């Protein structure tokens, strides 16, 4: 399941603009191109968040949905050559946040994913038996 949809992208840009970014001709956006951009964005999110959470997220947290849309739109603009400064900044901000999530410096509040088992459990420590103790050393 994709984290964002074409409708999510249409809340951020107009249908005409989305069509200009995706379709070779016509006024309708190319759904396959949109889906490919969303899949690419979701893969970036999963790669970063998979270090701390179980992915894919179910249900999708609002922050992840927004990140997916921002990244997908950047990829669509890049497809046409040059992304406007605002979308480049949103892309860089999204990547910076994902790096913080991967490093454990940021969390996804209300995420549907649980931290992976390795991150949830405390480590087990094993060592050899004690060689010296009060009983084996005797009195001084």
N, C-alpha and C. Protein backbone atom coordinates (compact mmCIF):
# COMPACT_ATOMS: atom_id res chain seq x y z
N UNK A 1 0.84 -1.17 0.00
CA UNK A 1 0.00 0.00 0.00
C UNK A 1 0.89 1.25 0.00
N UNK A 2 0.58 2.17 -0.85
CA UNK A 2 1.36 3.41 -0.95
C UNK A 2 1.03 4.32 0.23
N UNK A 3 2.00 5.10 0.64
CA UNK A 3 1.81 6.02 1.76
C UNK A 3 1.02 7.26 1.37
N UNK A 4 1.08 7.65 0.11
CA UNK A 4 0.30 8.79 -0.37
C UNK A 4 -0.36 8.39 -1.68
N UNK A 5 -1.28 9.22 -2.12
CA UNK A 5 -2.03 8.93 -3.33
C UNK A 5 -1.98 10.13 -4.27
N UNK A 6 -2.48 9.94 -5.46
CA UNK A 6 -2.57 11.04 -6.41
C UNK A 6 -3.43 12.16 -5.83
N UNK A 7 -4.49 11.80 -5.12
CA UNK A 7 -5.35 12.82 -4.49
C UNK A 7 -4.58 13.65 -3.47
N UNK A 8 -3.66 13.01 -2.75
CA UNK A 8 -2.83 13.76 -1.80
C UNK A 8 -1.96 14.77 -2.52
N UNK A 9 -1.43 14.37 -3.66
CA UNK A 9 -0.60 15.29 -4.44
C UNK A 9 -1.44 16.45 -4.97
N UNK A 10 -2.69 16.15 -5.31
CA UNK A 10 -3.57 17.20 -5.85
C UNK A 10 -4.00 18.20 -4.79
N UNK A 11 -3.79 17.89 -3.52
CA UNK A 11 -4.05 18.89 -2.48
C UNK A 11 -2.90 19.88 -2.38
N UNK A 12 -1.77 19.53 -3.00
CA UNK A 12 -0.58 20.37 -2.92
C UNK A 12 -0.32 21.16 -4.21
N UNK A 13 -0.72 20.59 -5.33
CA UNK A 13 -0.58 21.29 -6.61
C UNK A 13 -1.86 21.07 -7.41
N UNK A 14 -2.05 21.87 -8.44
CA UNK A 14 -3.26 21.76 -9.26
C UNK A 14 -3.20 20.54 -10.18
N UNK A 15 -4.36 20.14 -10.66
CA UNK A 15 -4.42 19.02 -11.59
C UNK A 15 -3.67 19.36 -12.88
N UNK A 16 -3.79 20.58 -13.34
CA UNK A 16 -3.09 20.99 -14.56
C UNK A 16 -1.58 20.89 -14.38
N UNK A 17 -1.10 21.28 -13.21
CA UNK A 17 0.34 21.21 -12.96
C UNK A 17 0.80 19.75 -12.86
N UNK A 18 0.00 18.92 -12.20
CA UNK A 18 0.35 17.50 -12.10
C UNK A 18 0.34 16.85 -13.48
N UNK A 19 -0.62 17.24 -14.31
CA UNK A 19 -0.66 16.71 -15.69
C UNK A 19 0.57 17.16 -16.47
N UNK A 20 0.99 18.40 -16.28
CA UNK A 20 2.18 18.90 -16.98
C UNK A 20 3.43 18.15 -16.54
N UNK A 21 3.47 17.70 -15.28
CA UNK A 21 4.63 16.97 -14.77
C UNK A 21 4.65 15.51 -15.19
N UNK A 22 3.48 14.95 -15.47
CA UNK A 22 3.41 13.50 -15.69
C UNK A 22 3.01 13.09 -17.10
N UNK A 23 2.10 13.80 -17.71
CA UNK A 23 1.57 13.37 -19.02
C UNK A 23 2.37 14.00 -20.15
N UNK A 24 2.53 13.23 -21.19
CA UNK A 24 3.22 13.75 -22.37
C UNK A 24 2.28 14.64 -23.19
N UNK A 25 0.99 14.39 -23.08
CA UNK A 25 0.00 15.21 -23.78
C UNK A 25 -1.32 15.10 -23.02
N UNK A 26 -2.10 16.15 -23.06
CA UNK A 26 -3.42 16.12 -22.43
C UNK A 26 -3.45 16.81 -21.09
N UNK A 27 -4.66 16.89 -20.56
CA UNK A 27 -4.87 17.59 -19.31
C UNK A 27 -5.03 16.66 -18.11
N UNK A 28 -4.93 15.37 -18.33
CA UNK A 28 -5.08 14.40 -17.24
C UNK A 28 -3.71 13.90 -16.80
N UNK A 29 -3.47 13.83 -15.50
CA UNK A 29 -2.20 13.27 -15.02
C UNK A 29 -2.07 11.81 -15.41
N UNK A 30 -0.85 11.38 -15.67
CA UNK A 30 -0.57 9.98 -15.98
C UNK A 30 -0.44 9.23 -14.66
N UNK A 31 -1.42 8.39 -14.35
CA UNK A 31 -1.48 7.69 -13.07
C UNK A 31 -0.27 6.78 -12.86
N UNK A 32 0.27 6.18 -13.92
CA UNK A 32 1.43 5.30 -13.78
C UNK A 32 2.67 6.07 -13.38
N UNK A 33 2.85 7.25 -13.94
CA UNK A 33 4.01 8.07 -13.59
C UNK A 33 3.89 8.55 -12.15
N UNK A 34 2.69 8.93 -11.75
CA UNK A 34 2.44 9.35 -10.37
C UNK A 34 2.73 8.20 -9.41
N UNK A 35 2.22 7.01 -9.75
CA UNK A 35 2.43 5.84 -8.89
C UNK A 35 3.92 5.49 -8.78
N UNK A 36 4.67 5.63 -9.87
CA UNK A 36 6.11 5.36 -9.83
C UNK A 36 6.84 6.35 -8.93
N UNK A 37 6.46 7.62 -8.98
CA UNK A 37 7.09 8.63 -8.12
C UNK A 37 6.76 8.38 -6.66
N UNK A 38 5.53 8.00 -6.38
CA UNK A 38 5.13 7.68 -5.00
C UNK A 38 5.88 6.44 -4.51
N UNK A 39 6.01 5.44 -5.35
CA UNK A 39 6.75 4.23 -4.98
C UNK A 39 8.21 4.55 -4.67
N UNK A 40 8.80 5.42 -5.45
CA UNK A 40 10.19 5.83 -5.21
C UNK A 40 10.31 6.56 -3.88
N UNK A 41 9.35 7.45 -3.59
CA UNK A 41 9.35 8.18 -2.33
C UNK A 41 9.16 7.22 -1.16
N UNK A 42 8.24 6.28 -1.30
CA UNK A 42 7.97 5.33 -0.23
C UNK A 42 9.18 4.44 0.04
N UNK A 43 9.91 4.09 -1.00
CA UNK A 43 11.13 3.29 -0.82
C UNK A 43 12.17 4.06 -0.01
N UNK A 44 12.28 5.36 -0.25
CA UNK A 44 13.21 6.18 0.54
C UNK A 44 12.79 6.21 2.01
N UNK A 45 11.49 6.34 2.23
CA UNK A 45 10.98 6.38 3.61
C UNK A 45 11.23 5.05 4.30
N UNK A 46 10.92 3.95 3.62
CA UNK A 46 11.12 2.63 4.20
C UNK A 46 12.58 2.35 4.50
N UNK A 47 13.47 2.80 3.62
CA UNK A 47 14.89 2.57 3.83
C UNK A 47 15.38 3.26 5.10
N UNK A 48 14.91 4.46 5.34
CA UNK A 48 15.34 5.19 6.54
C UNK A 48 14.61 4.72 7.78
N UNK A 49 13.31 4.58 7.70
CA UNK A 49 12.51 4.23 8.88
C UNK A 49 12.63 2.76 9.24
N UNK A 50 13.01 1.93 8.28
CA UNK A 50 13.15 0.50 8.54
C UNK A 50 14.23 0.18 9.54
N UNK A 51 15.13 1.12 9.78
CA UNK A 51 16.16 0.92 10.80
C UNK A 51 15.61 1.01 12.21
N UNK A 52 14.46 1.69 12.38
CA UNK A 52 13.90 1.91 13.71
C UNK A 52 12.48 1.37 13.88
N UNK A 53 11.78 1.17 12.76
CA UNK A 53 10.38 0.75 12.81
C UNK A 53 10.15 -0.43 11.88
N UNK A 54 9.06 -1.12 12.12
CA UNK A 54 8.63 -2.16 11.20
C UNK A 54 7.90 -1.49 10.05
N UNK A 55 8.39 -1.71 8.85
CA UNK A 55 7.78 -1.10 7.66
C UNK A 55 7.29 -2.21 6.75
N UNK A 56 6.32 -1.98 5.91
CA UNK A 56 5.61 -0.73 5.68
C UNK A 56 4.66 -0.42 6.83
N UNK A 57 4.40 0.87 7.02
CA UNK A 57 3.54 1.33 8.09
C UNK A 57 2.08 0.98 7.79
N UNK A 58 1.41 0.44 8.79
CA UNK A 58 -0.02 0.18 8.68
C UNK A 58 -0.63 0.43 10.05
N UNK A 59 -1.44 1.40 10.25
CA UNK A 59 -1.86 2.44 9.32
C UNK A 59 -0.73 3.45 9.09
N UNK A 60 -0.90 4.24 8.07
CA UNK A 60 0.12 5.21 7.69
C UNK A 60 0.01 6.45 8.57
N UNK A 61 1.09 6.78 9.32
CA UNK A 61 1.07 8.01 10.12
C UNK A 61 0.97 9.24 9.21
N UNK A 62 0.35 10.29 9.71
CA UNK A 62 0.18 11.52 8.94
C UNK A 62 1.50 12.09 8.47
N UNK A 63 2.52 12.03 9.31
CA UNK A 63 3.83 12.59 8.93
C UNK A 63 4.43 11.81 7.77
N UNK A 64 4.25 10.50 7.77
CA UNK A 64 4.78 9.67 6.68
C UNK A 64 4.04 9.97 5.39
N UNK A 65 2.74 10.19 5.48
CA UNK A 65 1.94 10.53 4.30
C UNK A 65 2.43 11.84 3.68
N UNK A 66 2.69 12.83 4.52
CA UNK A 66 3.19 14.12 4.05
C UNK A 66 4.58 13.98 3.44
N UNK A 67 5.45 13.22 4.10
CA UNK A 67 6.80 13.00 3.55
C UNK A 67 6.72 12.33 2.19
N UNK A 68 5.86 11.35 2.06
CA UNK A 68 5.71 10.65 0.80
C UNK A 68 5.27 11.60 -0.32
N UNK A 69 4.30 12.45 -0.02
CA UNK A 69 3.82 13.40 -1.03
C UNK A 69 4.92 14.40 -1.40
N UNK A 70 5.63 14.93 -0.40
CA UNK A 70 6.70 15.90 -0.68
C UNK A 70 7.80 15.27 -1.54
N UNK A 71 8.22 14.07 -1.18
CA UNK A 71 9.28 13.41 -1.94
C UNK A 71 8.80 13.07 -3.35
N UNK A 72 7.58 12.59 -3.48
CA UNK A 72 7.05 12.23 -4.80
C UNK A 72 6.96 13.45 -5.71
N UNK A 73 6.48 14.57 -5.17
CA UNK A 73 6.39 15.78 -5.99
C UNK A 73 7.77 16.26 -6.43
N UNK A 74 8.75 16.17 -5.55
CA UNK A 74 10.11 16.54 -5.94
C UNK A 74 10.59 15.66 -7.10
N UNK A 75 10.32 14.36 -6.99
CA UNK A 75 10.74 13.45 -8.06
C UNK A 75 10.03 13.77 -9.38
N UNK A 76 8.77 14.15 -9.29
CA UNK A 76 8.04 14.51 -10.51
C UNK A 76 8.60 15.79 -11.13
N UNK A 77 8.91 16.79 -10.30
CA UNK A 77 9.51 18.02 -10.83
C UNK A 77 10.88 17.72 -11.42
N UNK A 78 11.66 16.89 -10.75
CA UNK A 78 12.99 16.55 -11.24
C UNK A 78 12.93 15.82 -12.56
N UNK A 79 11.86 15.09 -12.76
CA UNK A 79 11.65 14.37 -14.02
C UNK A 79 11.62 15.32 -15.21
N UNK A 80 11.14 16.54 -14.97
CA UNK A 80 11.04 17.54 -16.03
C UNK A 80 12.27 18.44 -16.11
N UNK A 81 13.25 18.19 -15.28
CA UNK A 81 14.48 18.97 -15.39
C UNK A 81 14.87 19.68 -14.12
N UNK A 82 14.16 20.73 -13.79
CA UNK A 82 14.56 21.55 -12.64
C UNK A 82 13.39 21.66 -11.68
N UNK A 83 13.65 21.31 -10.43
CA UNK A 83 12.63 21.45 -9.40
C UNK A 83 12.67 22.88 -8.85
N UNK A 84 11.52 23.50 -8.65
CA UNK A 84 11.50 24.82 -8.02
C UNK A 84 12.15 24.78 -6.64
N UNK A 85 12.66 25.90 -6.20
CA UNK A 85 13.38 25.97 -4.93
C UNK A 85 12.54 25.47 -3.76
N UNK A 86 11.26 25.75 -3.75
CA UNK A 86 10.40 25.33 -2.64
C UNK A 86 10.34 23.81 -2.55
N UNK A 87 10.26 23.12 -3.70
CA UNK A 87 10.19 21.66 -3.68
C UNK A 87 11.54 21.04 -3.39
N UNK A 88 12.61 21.69 -3.82
CA UNK A 88 13.95 21.20 -3.46
C UNK A 88 14.15 21.31 -1.95
N UNK A 89 13.69 22.41 -1.35
CA UNK A 89 13.82 22.60 0.09
C UNK A 89 12.98 21.57 0.85
N UNK A 90 11.76 21.32 0.38
CA UNK A 90 10.91 20.31 1.03
C UNK A 90 11.56 18.94 0.94
N UNK A 91 12.18 18.64 -0.19
CA UNK A 91 12.86 17.36 -0.37
C UNK A 91 14.04 17.25 0.61
N UNK A 92 14.85 18.28 0.69
CA UNK A 92 16.00 18.26 1.59
C UNK A 92 15.56 18.18 3.05
N UNK A 93 14.48 18.88 3.41
CA UNK A 93 13.95 18.81 4.77
C UNK A 93 13.45 17.41 5.09
N UNK A 94 12.78 16.78 4.12
CA UNK A 94 12.28 15.43 4.32
C UNK A 94 13.43 14.45 4.52
N UNK A 95 14.47 14.57 3.70
CA UNK A 95 15.63 13.68 3.86
C UNK A 95 16.33 13.90 5.19
N UNK A 96 16.43 15.15 5.62
CA UNK A 96 17.06 15.44 6.91
C UNK A 96 16.26 14.81 8.05
N UNK A 97 14.94 14.92 7.97
CA UNK A 97 14.09 14.31 9.01
C UNK A 97 14.24 12.79 9.00
N UNK A 98 14.28 12.20 7.81
CA UNK A 98 14.43 10.74 7.73
C UNK A 98 15.77 10.29 8.29
N UNK A 99 16.82 11.07 8.09
CA UNK A 99 18.12 10.75 8.67
C UNK A 99 18.06 10.80 10.19
N UNK A 100 17.31 11.77 10.73
CA UNK A 100 17.14 11.86 12.18
C UNK A 100 16.37 10.66 12.71
N UNK A 101 15.36 10.24 11.99
CA UNK A 101 14.60 9.05 12.41
C UNK A 101 15.51 7.84 12.41
N UNK A 102 16.29 7.68 11.35
CA UNK A 102 17.20 6.53 11.25
C UNK A 102 18.22 6.53 12.38
N UNK A 103 18.66 7.71 12.79
CA UNK A 103 19.67 7.82 13.85
C UNK A 103 19.06 7.75 15.25
N UNK A 104 17.74 7.71 15.33
CA UNK A 104 17.08 7.66 16.63
C UNK A 104 16.93 9.01 17.29
N UNK A 105 17.17 10.08 16.55
CA UNK A 105 17.06 11.43 17.09
C UNK A 105 15.67 12.02 16.92
N UNK A 106 14.83 11.36 16.13
CA UNK A 106 13.45 11.80 15.92
C UNK A 106 12.57 10.56 15.88
N UNK A 107 11.32 10.74 16.24
CA UNK A 107 10.39 9.62 16.21
C UNK A 107 9.18 9.98 15.38
N UNK A 108 8.45 8.97 15.02
CA UNK A 108 7.20 9.16 14.30
C UNK A 108 6.07 8.92 15.28
N UNK A 109 5.59 9.99 15.88
CA UNK A 109 4.52 9.89 16.86
C UNK A 109 3.29 9.29 16.22
N UNK A 110 2.70 8.34 16.90
CA UNK A 110 1.50 7.72 16.38
C UNK A 110 1.75 6.84 15.19
N UNK A 111 2.99 6.38 15.03
CA UNK A 111 3.27 5.52 13.88
C UNK A 111 2.61 4.17 14.08
N UNK A 112 2.13 3.62 13.01
CA UNK A 112 1.52 2.30 13.09
C UNK A 112 2.56 1.23 13.26
N UNK A 113 3.81 1.54 12.92
CA UNK A 113 4.87 0.55 13.01
C UNK A 113 5.45 0.48 14.40
N UNK A 114 5.78 -0.70 14.78
CA UNK A 114 6.45 -0.91 16.05
C UNK A 114 7.96 -0.94 15.80
N UNK A 115 8.74 -0.53 16.80
CA UNK A 115 10.18 -0.67 16.61
C UNK A 115 10.53 -2.14 16.38
N UNK A 116 11.52 -2.42 15.55
CA UNK A 116 11.92 -3.81 15.33
C UNK A 116 12.27 -4.47 16.65
N UNK A 117 12.17 -5.77 16.69
CA UNK A 117 12.40 -6.51 17.93
C UNK A 117 13.76 -6.19 18.54
N UNK A 118 14.78 -6.05 17.70
CA UNK A 118 16.12 -5.74 18.22
C UNK A 118 16.15 -4.40 18.94
N UNK A 119 15.36 -3.46 18.50
CA UNK A 119 15.34 -2.14 19.13
C UNK A 119 14.51 -2.13 20.40
N UNK A 120 13.53 -3.04 20.53
CA UNK A 120 12.64 -3.07 21.69
C UNK A 120 13.25 -3.80 22.87
N UNK A 121 14.04 -4.81 22.62
CA UNK A 121 14.54 -5.66 23.69
C UNK A 121 15.83 -5.11 24.25
N UNK A 122 16.00 -5.33 25.54
CA UNK A 122 17.27 -4.95 26.14
C UNK A 122 18.26 -6.07 25.85
N UNK A 123 19.53 -5.74 25.74
CA UNK A 123 20.52 -6.76 25.41
C UNK A 123 20.75 -7.70 26.59
N UNK A 124 21.11 -8.93 26.29
CA UNK A 124 21.50 -9.88 27.31
C UNK A 124 23.01 -9.82 27.45
N UNK A 125 23.47 -9.81 28.69
CA UNK A 125 24.90 -9.79 28.94
C UNK A 125 25.31 -11.12 29.52
N UNK A 126 26.31 -11.70 28.96
CA UNK A 126 26.84 -12.97 29.43
C UNK A 126 28.30 -12.78 29.77
N UNK A 127 28.72 -13.45 30.85
CA UNK A 127 30.13 -13.39 31.21
C UNK A 127 30.49 -14.69 31.91
N UNK A 128 31.76 -14.88 32.11
CA UNK A 128 32.23 -16.07 32.81
C UNK A 128 31.90 -15.95 34.29
N UNK A 129 31.97 -17.09 34.99
CA UNK A 129 31.73 -17.08 36.44
C UNK A 129 32.80 -16.25 37.13
N UNK A 130 32.44 -15.69 38.29
CA UNK A 130 33.40 -14.90 39.06
C UNK A 130 34.52 -15.79 39.54
N UNK A 131 35.73 -15.30 39.41
CA UNK A 131 36.89 -16.03 39.89
C UNK A 131 37.17 -15.62 41.33
N UNK A 132 37.07 -14.37 41.64
CA UNK A 132 37.38 -13.88 42.97
C UNK A 132 36.11 -13.34 43.63
N UNK A 133 35.92 -13.70 44.86
CA UNK A 133 34.83 -13.16 45.65
C UNK A 133 35.31 -13.03 47.08
N UNK A 134 34.50 -12.54 47.97
CA UNK A 134 34.91 -12.42 49.38
C UNK A 134 35.20 -13.78 49.97
N UNK A 135 34.47 -14.79 49.56
CA UNK A 135 34.68 -16.12 50.13
C UNK A 135 35.98 -16.75 49.61
N UNK A 136 36.32 -16.55 48.33
CA UNK A 136 37.51 -17.19 47.79
C UNK A 136 38.79 -16.44 48.13
N UNK A 137 38.72 -15.20 48.47
CA UNK A 137 39.93 -14.46 48.81
C UNK A 137 40.30 -14.64 50.27
N UNK A 138 39.33 -14.94 51.06
CA UNK A 138 39.60 -15.08 52.48
C UNK A 138 39.72 -13.74 53.18
N UNK A 139 40.04 -13.80 54.41
CA UNK A 139 40.18 -12.59 55.22
C UNK A 139 41.57 -11.99 55.03
N UNK A 140 41.67 -10.74 55.07
CA UNK A 140 42.96 -10.06 54.95
C UNK A 140 43.57 -9.90 56.26
